[in-house]
Amino acid sequence: QFNLPFALGCLGPVLVVIGLLGARTKHLPKQSSERTFWLLLAVFCLVVGIAVQGERYTLGLVHITLQPLVVLGIAYLAGRFGESTRAVKWLAWTGLLVDTLLGVAIHFWFQSLTFGDRNSPPGGWGITSRDLLIGSVKANWKLEQQQGLTYLGDSVEPYAWICAIAAFTMALAFLALLAREAGGRTGAGEPSINQNPGRAGAGSPNAPGGGRSRERGPRRSRRP
C-alpha cells in the first residue's frame, strides 16, 4: 500500500496494462474532453500529492497522498472485469485471492495480537512486543496508556471469533461469486457459439432477415 503500482494489488499493475492495451484496439476519439480530464486529474494528483507531503519515507506514502489514483485504478479494474477474457478474469481472481490471504487476513491477524511488556516471552511465530510496537501501533498504545482510553477493539475482544467467522464467510462468498463470473460467462475476446453466423439456421434470429421467412415474388402463370 506504500507504492503506487502495487497499491492496486499484487497483480493490479499487470491487469491495468492488459486493460490499456485492449483499449487501444477500440475506435475511440483521440481528442475528447473526457479523456483529457482523466489524464490531467492523474497528473495533478501525482504531482500535488507528492508536493504537499513534507515527511520523507523510503517505502512511499501512497496510502496518504495518492489515494485518488488508487481508487480510480481499482474502479477501472472492476469496470473491465465483466468484459475481459476468461484468462484475464482468472488472473484477476488469483491476484485477489493472494491479496486477501497475504495482504488482509495476515494484517488483521497481526493487529489482533496482544502483547505485554518488553520482557514478555515471545508468542506465536516468535513475535514479541518489540515487533508489534512500531509505527502507528506504538503511537496508539502510548495514547491508550497515557489517557486511559478504551478502544472499540477492547470492548469486542470476547466476540472476536464471531467477527472472524463472519468476515471469512463473506470473503468466501465473494470469491465464489467472482469465480462463477470468471468461469461461467464469455469475455469480450471470446465469441460464443451463438455468435457464429455459420451455425445459424434459416429460422434462427442470427440468420439474415432476423428469422423471418423469405419473401417470394408473384408467381408467373404458364402459357398453355
C-alpha atoms as a PDB file:
ATOM      1  CA  GLN A   1       0.000   0.000   0.000  1.00  0.00           C
ATOM      2  CA  PHE A   2       3.020   2.321   0.110  1.00  0.00           C
ATOM      3  CA  ASN A   3       3.892   2.392  -3.613  1.00  0.00           C
ATOM      4  CA  LEU A   4       1.564   3.343  -6.441  1.00  0.00           C
ATOM      5  CA  PRO A   5       1.690   0.299  -8.763  1.00  0.00           C
ATOM      6  CA  PHE A   6       1.190  -2.377  -6.121  1.00  0.00           C
ATOM      7  CA  ALA A   7      -1.373  -0.350  -4.184  1.00  0.00           C
ATOM      8  CA  LEU A   8      -3.776  -1.878  -6.735  1.00  0.00           C
ATOM      9  CA  GLY A   9      -2.820  -5.386  -5.574  1.00  0.00           C
ATOM     10  CA  CYS A  10      -0.071  -7.855  -6.377  1.00  0.00           C
ATOM     11  CA  LEU A  11      -1.358  -8.303  -9.951  1.00  0.00           C
ATOM     12  CA  GLY A  12      -3.027  -4.914 -10.295  1.00  0.00           C
ATOM     13  CA  PRO A  13      -0.291  -3.334 -12.453  1.00  0.00           C
ATOM     14  CA  VAL A  14      -0.383  -6.283 -14.860  1.00  0.00           C
ATOM     15  CA  LEU A  15      -4.169  -6.069 -15.185  1.00  0.00           C
ATOM     16  CA  VAL A  16      -4.035  -2.312 -15.797  1.00  0.00           C
ATOM     17  CA  VAL A  17      -1.505  -2.778 -18.597  1.00  0.00           C
ATOM     18  CA  ILE A  18      -3.645  -5.514 -20.156  1.00  0.00           C
ATOM     19  CA  GLY A  19      -6.703  -3.282 -19.959  1.00  0.00           C
ATOM     20  CA  LEU A  20      -4.937  -0.292 -21.510  1.00  0.00           C
ATOM     21  CA  LEU A  21      -3.541  -2.407 -24.333  1.00  0.00           C
ATOM     22  CA  GLY A  22      -7.003  -3.792 -25.001  1.00  0.00           C
ATOM     23  CA  ALA A  23      -8.491  -0.290 -25.022  1.00  0.00           C
ATOM     24  CA  ARG A  24      -6.114   0.740 -27.812  1.00  0.00           C
ATOM     25  CA  THR A  25      -7.823  -1.642 -30.206  1.00  0.00           C
ATOM     26  CA  LYS A  26     -11.169   0.121 -29.769  1.00  0.00           C
ATOM     27  CA  HIS A  27     -12.124   3.011 -32.005  1.00  0.00           C
ATOM     28  CA  LEU A  28     -12.037   5.854 -29.516  1.00  0.00           C
ATOM     29  CA  PRO A  29     -11.614   9.534 -30.376  1.00  0.00           C
ATOM     30  CA  LYS A  30      -8.034  10.621 -29.869  1.00  0.00           C
ATOM     31  CA  GLN A  31      -9.061  14.048 -28.599  1.00  0.00           C
ATOM     32  CA  SER A  32     -12.003  14.167 -26.213  1.00  0.00           C
ATOM     33  CA  SER A  33     -12.821  16.265 -23.186  1.00  0.00           C
ATOM     34  CA  GLU A  34     -13.391  13.204 -21.003  1.00  0.00           C
ATOM     35  CA  ARG A  35     -10.060  11.652 -21.886  1.00  0.00           C
ATOM     36  CA  THR A  36      -8.272  14.978 -21.274  1.00  0.00           C
ATOM     37  CA  PHE A  37      -9.974  15.365 -17.889  1.00  0.00           C
ATOM     38  CA  TRP A  38      -8.855  11.974 -16.556  1.00  0.00           C
ATOM     39  CA  LEU A  39      -5.334  12.460 -17.857  1.00  0.00           C
ATOM     40  CA  LEU A  40      -4.991  15.879 -16.220  1.00  0.00           C
ATOM     41  CA  LEU A  41      -6.518  14.552 -12.990  1.00  0.00           C
ATOM     42  CA  ALA A  42      -3.961  11.735 -12.802  1.00  0.00           C
ATOM     43  CA  VAL A  43      -1.062  14.124 -13.405  1.00  0.00           C
ATOM     44  CA  PHE A  44      -2.465  16.658 -10.909  1.00  0.00           C
ATOM     45  CA  CYS A  45      -2.905  14.062  -8.142  1.00  0.00           C
ATOM     46  CA  LEU A  46       0.554  12.635  -8.760  1.00  0.00           C
ATOM     47  CA  VAL A  47       2.378  15.974  -8.629  1.00  0.00           C
ATOM     48  CA  VAL A  48       0.341  17.730  -5.928  1.00  0.00           C
ATOM     49  CA  GLY A  49       0.053  14.603  -3.788  1.00  0.00           C
ATOM     50  CA  ILE A  50       3.838  14.345  -3.571  1.00  0.00           C
ATOM     51  CA  ALA A  51       4.354  18.093  -3.129  1.00  0.00           C
ATOM     52  CA  VAL A  52       2.018  18.512  -0.144  1.00  0.00           C
ATOM     53  CA  GLN A  53       3.662  15.735   1.880  1.00  0.00           C
ATOM     54  CA  GLY A  54       6.642  17.023   3.814  1.00  0.00           C
ATOM     55  CA  GLU A  55       7.577  13.767   5.500  1.00  0.00           C
ATOM     56  CA  ARG A  56      10.088  11.533   3.776  1.00  0.00           C
ATOM     57  CA  TYR A  57       9.520   7.796   3.869  1.00  0.00           C
ATOM     58  CA  THR A  58      11.638   5.289   1.996  1.00  0.00           C
ATOM     59  CA  LEU A  59       8.789   2.872   1.210  1.00  0.00           C
ATOM     60  CA  GLY A  60       6.425   5.550  -0.110  1.00  0.00           C
ATOM     61  CA  LEU A  61       3.368   7.487   1.030  1.00  0.00           C
ATOM     62  CA  VAL A  62       0.742   6.426  -1.478  1.00  0.00           C
ATOM     63  CA  HIS A  63      -1.651   5.419   1.294  1.00  0.00           C
ATOM     64  CA  ILE A  64      -1.676   9.067   2.452  1.00  0.00           C
ATOM     65  CA  THR A  65      -1.307  11.298  -0.602  1.00  0.00           C
ATOM     66  CA  LEU A  66      -2.196   9.309  -3.740  1.00  0.00           C
ATOM     67  CA  GLN A  67      -5.396   7.574  -2.714  1.00  0.00           C
ATOM     68  CA  PRO A  68      -7.446   9.195  -5.545  1.00  0.00           C
ATOM     69  CA  LEU A  69      -5.269   7.410  -8.108  1.00  0.00           C
ATOM     70  CA  VAL A  70      -5.620   4.126  -6.244  1.00  0.00           C
ATOM     71  CA  VAL A  71      -9.421   4.446  -6.157  1.00  0.00           C
ATOM     72  CA  LEU A  72      -9.504   5.286  -9.874  1.00  0.00           C
ATOM     73  CA  GLY A  73      -7.322   2.281 -10.666  1.00  0.00           C
ATOM     74  CA  ILE A  74      -9.479  -0.120  -8.661  1.00  0.00           C
ATOM     75  CA  ALA A  75     -12.649   1.286 -10.243  1.00  0.00           C
ATOM     76  CA  TYR A  76     -11.096   0.826 -13.685  1.00  0.00           C
ATOM     77  CA  LEU A  77     -10.213  -2.809 -12.992  1.00  0.00           C
ATOM     78  CA  ALA A  78     -13.648  -3.542 -11.542  1.00  0.00           C
ATOM     79  CA  GLY A  79     -15.367  -1.957 -14.520  1.00  0.00           C
ATOM     80  CA  ARG A  80     -13.392  -4.022 -17.027  1.00  0.00           C
ATOM     81  CA  PHE A  81     -13.806  -7.341 -15.215  1.00  0.00           C
ATOM     82  CA  GLY A  82     -17.085  -8.256 -16.887  1.00  0.00           C
ATOM     83  CA  GLU A  83     -15.835  -7.641 -20.433  1.00  0.00           C
ATOM     84  CA  SER A  84     -12.424  -9.252 -20.005  1.00  0.00           C
ATOM     85  CA  THR A  85     -11.464 -12.615 -21.433  1.00  0.00           C
ATOM     86  CA  ARG A  86     -11.725 -15.721 -19.295  1.00  0.00           C
ATOM     87  CA  ALA A  87      -7.950 -15.911 -18.797  1.00  0.00           C
ATOM     88  CA  VAL A  88      -7.775 -12.307 -17.573  1.00  0.00           C
ATOM     89  CA  LYS A  89     -10.709 -12.913 -15.238  1.00  0.00           C
ATOM     90  CA  TRP A  90      -8.978 -15.885 -13.633  1.00  0.00           C
ATOM     91  CA  LEU A  91      -5.762 -13.861 -13.382  1.00  0.00           C
ATOM     92  CA  ALA A  92      -7.644 -11.124 -11.529  1.00  0.00           C
ATOM     93  CA  TRP A  93      -9.326 -13.704  -9.289  1.00  0.00           C
ATOM     94  CA  THR A  94      -5.958 -15.257  -8.408  1.00  0.00           C
ATOM     95  CA  GLY A  95      -4.483 -11.874  -7.539  1.00  0.00           C
ATOM     96  CA  LEU A  96      -7.489 -11.052  -5.375  1.00  0.00           C
ATOM     97  CA  LEU A  97      -7.132 -14.357  -3.532  1.00  0.00           C
ATOM     98  CA  VAL A  98      -3.444 -13.713  -2.820  1.00  0.00           C
ATOM     99  CA  ASP A  99      -4.167 -10.169  -1.654  1.00  0.00           C
ATOM    100  CA  THR A 100      -6.972 -11.408   0.605  1.00  0.00           C
ATOM    101  CA  LEU A 101      -4.792 -14.020   2.300  1.00  0.00           C
ATOM    102  CA  LEU A 102      -1.407 -12.284   2.445  1.00  0.00           C
ATOM    103  CA  GLY A 103      -2.490  -8.651   2.456  1.00  0.00           C
ATOM    104  CA  VAL A 104      -5.701  -8.586   4.506  1.00  0.00           C
ATOM    105  CA  ALA A 105      -6.021 -11.752   6.599  1.00  0.00           C
ATOM    106  CA  ILE A 106      -2.461 -11.717   7.963  1.00  0.00           C
ATOM    107  CA  HIS A 107      -2.636  -7.966   8.525  1.00  0.00           C
ATOM    108  CA  PHE A 108      -5.748  -8.255  10.678  1.00  0.00           C
ATOM    109  CA  TRP A 109      -4.305 -11.266  12.462  1.00  0.00           C
ATOM    110  CA  PHE A 110      -1.244  -9.241  13.497  1.00  0.00           C
ATOM    111  CA  GLN A 111      -3.477  -6.399  14.643  1.00  0.00           C
ATOM    112  CA  SER A 112      -5.454  -8.796  16.854  1.00  0.00           C
ATOM    113  CA  LEU A 113      -2.367  -9.968  18.757  1.00  0.00           C
ATOM    114  CA  THR A 114      -1.952  -8.801  22.318  1.00  0.00           C
ATOM    115  CA  PHE A 115       1.367  -8.073  23.951  1.00  0.00           C
ATOM    116  CA  GLY A 116       2.769  -7.258  27.360  1.00  0.00           C
ATOM    117  CA  ASP A 117       5.942  -5.503  28.359  1.00  0.00           C
ATOM    118  CA  ARG A 118       9.250  -5.828  26.566  1.00  0.00           C
ATOM    119  CA  ASN A 119      10.354  -8.674  28.845  1.00  0.00           C
ATOM    120  CA  SER A 120       7.365 -10.890  27.986  1.00  0.00           C
ATOM    121  CA  PRO A 121       8.171 -14.228  26.296  1.00  0.00           C
ATOM    122  CA  PRO A 122       7.604 -14.408  22.530  1.00  0.00           C
ATOM    123  CA  GLY A 123       4.257 -15.620  21.282  1.00  0.00           C
ATOM    124  CA  GLY A 124       3.331 -17.458  18.108  1.00  0.00           C
ATOM    125  CA  TRP A 125       5.895 -17.309  15.284  1.00  0.00           C
ATOM    126  CA  GLY A 126       8.373 -15.862  17.793  1.00  0.00           C
ATOM    127  CA  ILE A 127       6.657 -12.464  17.808  1.00  0.00           C
ATOM    128  CA  THR A 128       7.460 -10.166  20.725  1.00  0.00           C
ATOM    129  CA  SER A 129       6.272  -6.728  21.770  1.00  0.00           C
ATOM    130  CA  ARG A 130       9.333  -5.229  20.035  1.00  0.00           C
ATOM    131  CA  ASP A 131       7.952  -6.481  16.716  1.00  0.00           C
ATOM    132  CA  LEU A 132       4.462  -5.145  17.359  1.00  0.00           C
ATOM    133  CA  LEU A 133       5.185  -1.750  18.930  1.00  0.00           C
ATOM    134  CA  ILE A 134       6.159   0.070  15.746  1.00  0.00           C
ATOM    135  CA  GLY A 135       4.664   2.937  13.790  1.00  0.00           C
ATOM    136  CA  SER A 136       1.044   3.810  14.443  1.00  0.00           C
ATOM    137  CA  VAL A 137       0.616   0.772  16.718  1.00  0.00           C
ATOM    138  CA  LYS A 138       3.175   2.207  19.123  1.00  0.00           C
ATOM    139  CA  ALA A 139       1.533   5.648  18.984  1.00  0.00           C
ATOM    140  CA  ASN A 140      -1.926   4.187  19.689  1.00  0.00           C
ATOM    141  CA  TRP A 141      -0.555   2.103  22.547  1.00  0.00           C
ATOM    142  CA  LYS A 142       1.111   5.103  24.195  1.00  0.00           C
ATOM    143  CA  LEU A 143      -2.055   7.193  23.783  1.00  0.00           C
ATOM    144  CA  GLU A 144      -4.177   4.462  25.349  1.00  0.00           C
ATOM    145  CA  GLN A 145      -1.830   4.117  28.321  1.00  0.00           C
ATOM    146  CA  GLN A 146      -1.414   7.859  28.919  1.00  0.00           C
ATOM    147  CA  GLN A 147      -5.060   8.852  28.508  1.00  0.00           C
ATOM    148  CA  GLY A 148      -6.643   5.717  29.958  1.00  0.00           C
ATOM    149  CA  LEU A 149      -8.692   5.113  26.820  1.00  0.00           C
ATOM    150  CA  THR A 150     -10.714   2.045  25.897  1.00  0.00           C
ATOM    151  CA  TYR A 151     -10.797   1.298  22.182  1.00  0.00           C
ATOM    152  CA  LEU A 152     -13.664  -0.367  20.407  1.00  0.00           C
ATOM    153  CA  GLY A 153     -11.497  -3.422  19.767  1.00  0.00           C
ATOM    154  CA  ASP A 154     -11.021  -3.851  23.505  1.00  0.00           C
ATOM    155  CA  SER A 155     -14.779  -3.978  24.049  1.00  0.00           C
ATOM    156  CA  VAL A 156     -15.492  -6.595  21.369  1.00  0.00           C
ATOM    157  CA  GLU A 157     -12.474  -8.785  22.137  1.00  0.00           C
ATOM    158  CA  PRO A 158     -14.612 -11.571  23.705  1.00  0.00           C
ATOM    159  CA  TYR A 159     -16.625 -11.756  20.479  1.00  0.00           C
ATOM    160  CA  ALA A 160     -13.660 -11.651  18.115  1.00  0.00           C
ATOM    161  CA  TRP A 161     -14.327 -15.192  16.908  1.00  0.00           C
ATOM    162  CA  ILE A 162     -17.792 -14.168  15.683  1.00  0.00           C
ATOM    163  CA  CYS A 163     -16.317 -11.308  13.678  1.00  0.00           C
ATOM    164  CA  ALA A 164     -13.682 -13.652  12.251  1.00  0.00           C
ATOM    165  CA  ILE A 165     -16.276 -16.218  11.124  1.00  0.00           C
ATOM    166  CA  ALA A 166     -18.467 -13.515   9.579  1.00  0.00           C
ATOM    167  CA  ALA A 167     -15.528 -11.974   7.716  1.00  0.00           C
ATOM    168  CA  PHE A 168     -14.354 -15.382   6.480  1.00  0.00           C
ATOM    169  CA  THR A 169     -17.849 -16.297   5.257  1.00  0.00           C
ATOM    170  CA  MET A 170     -18.260 -13.010   3.406  1.00  0.00           C
ATOM    171  CA  ALA A 171     -14.836 -13.304   1.774  1.00  0.00           C
ATOM    172  CA  LEU A 172     -15.502 -16.901   0.733  1.00  0.00           C
ATOM    173  CA  ALA A 173     -18.884 -15.998  -0.767  1.00  0.00           C
ATOM    174  CA  PHE A 174     -17.402 -13.056  -2.642  1.00  0.00           C
ATOM    175  CA  LEU A 175     -14.567 -15.156  -4.077  1.00  0.00           C
ATOM    176  CA  ALA A 176     -17.021 -17.881  -5.082  1.00  0.00           C
ATOM    177  CA  LEU A 177     -19.197 -15.306  -6.853  1.00  0.00           C
ATOM    178  CA  LEU A 178     -16.231 -13.950  -8.795  1.00  0.00           C
ATOM    179  CA  ALA A 179     -15.082 -17.482  -9.651  1.00  0.00           C
ATOM    180  CA  ARG A 180     -18.525 -18.201 -11.063  1.00  0.00           C
ATOM    181  CA  GLU A 181     -18.384 -14.999 -13.073  1.00  0.00           C
ATOM    182  CA  ALA A 182     -14.910 -15.844 -14.375  1.00  0.00           C
ATOM    183  CA  GLY A 183     -15.761 -19.375 -15.418  1.00  0.00           C
ATOM    184  CA  GLY A 184     -19.377 -19.092 -16.495  1.00  0.00           C
ATOM    185  CA  ARG A 185     -19.554 -16.162 -18.878  1.00  0.00           C
ATOM    186  CA  THR A 186     -17.772 -15.398 -22.088  1.00  0.00           C
ATOM    187  CA  GLY A 187     -15.483 -12.400 -22.200  1.00  0.00           C
ATOM    188  CA  ALA A 188     -15.335  -9.783 -24.899  1.00  0.00           C
ATOM    189  CA  GLY A 189     -12.448 -11.504 -26.659  1.00  0.00           C
ATOM    190  CA  GLU A 190     -14.036 -14.980 -26.859  1.00  0.00           C
ATOM    191  CA  PRO A 191     -17.010 -15.300 -29.225  1.00  0.00           C
ATOM    192  CA  SER A 192     -19.650 -17.771 -28.187  1.00  0.00           C
ATOM    193  CA  ILE A 193     -21.253 -20.430 -30.386  1.00  0.00           C
ATOM    194  CA  ASN A 194     -24.416 -18.390 -30.891  1.00  0.00           C
ATOM    195  CA  GLN A 195     -22.333 -15.574 -32.328  1.00  0.00           C
ATOM    196  CA  ASN A 196     -21.140 -17.753 -35.221  1.00  0.00           C
ATOM    197  CA  PRO A 197     -23.236 -16.893 -38.268  1.00  0.00           C
ATOM    198  CA  GLY A 198     -22.253 -20.135 -39.983  1.00  0.00           C
ATOM    199  CA  ARG A 199     -24.171 -22.226 -37.426  1.00  0.00           C
ATOM    200  CA  ALA A 200     -27.343 -20.172 -37.561  1.00  0.00           C
ATOM    201  CA  GLY A 201     -30.240 -21.852 -39.308  1.00  0.00           C
ATOM    202  CA  ALA A 202     -32.821 -20.303 -41.544  1.00  0.00           C
ATOM    203  CA  GLY A 203     -35.219 -19.804 -38.658  1.00  0.00           C
ATOM    204  CA  SER A 204     -32.585 -18.557 -36.199  1.00  0.00           C
ATOM    205  CA  PRO A 205     -32.599 -14.929 -35.070  1.00  0.00           C
ATOM    206  CA  ASN A 206     -28.931 -14.735 -36.126  1.00  0.00           C
ATOM    207  CA  ALA A 207     -29.778 -15.662 -39.687  1.00  0.00           C
ATOM    208  CA  PRO A 208     -30.099 -12.948 -42.338  1.00  0.00           C
ATOM    209  CA  GLY A 209     -33.553 -11.452 -42.179  1.00  0.00           C
ATOM    210  CA  GLY A 210     -33.838 -11.905 -38.397  1.00  0.00           C
ATOM    211  CA  GLY A 211     -35.625 -15.280 -38.558  1.00  0.00           C
ATOM    212  CA  ARG A 212     -38.323 -14.134 -40.967  1.00  0.00           C
ATOM    213  CA  SER A 213     -39.382 -16.289 -43.867  1.00  0.00           C
ATOM    214  CA  ARG A 214     -38.046 -15.248 -47.208  1.00  0.00           C
ATOM    215  CA  GLU A 215     -40.484 -13.275 -49.283  1.00  0.00           C
ATOM    216  CA  ARG A 216     -41.131 -14.657 -52.724  1.00  0.00           C
ATOM    217  CA  GLY A 217     -42.223 -12.651 -55.716  1.00  0.00           C
ATOM    218  CA  PRO A 218     -45.532 -13.249 -57.539  1.00  0.00           C
ATOM    219  CA  ARG A 219     -45.698 -16.492 -59.478  1.00  0.00           C
ATOM    220  CA  ARG A 220     -45.870 -16.244 -63.225  1.00  0.00           C
ATOM    221  CA  SER A 221     -48.646 -18.093 -64.950  1.00  0.00           C
ATOM    222  CA  ARG A 222     -47.559 -20.641 -67.523  1.00  0.00           C
ATOM    223  CA  ARG A 223     -48.784 -20.341 -71.071  1.00  0.00           C
ATOM    224  CA  PRO A 224     -50.636 -23.368 -72.463  1.00  0.00           C
END
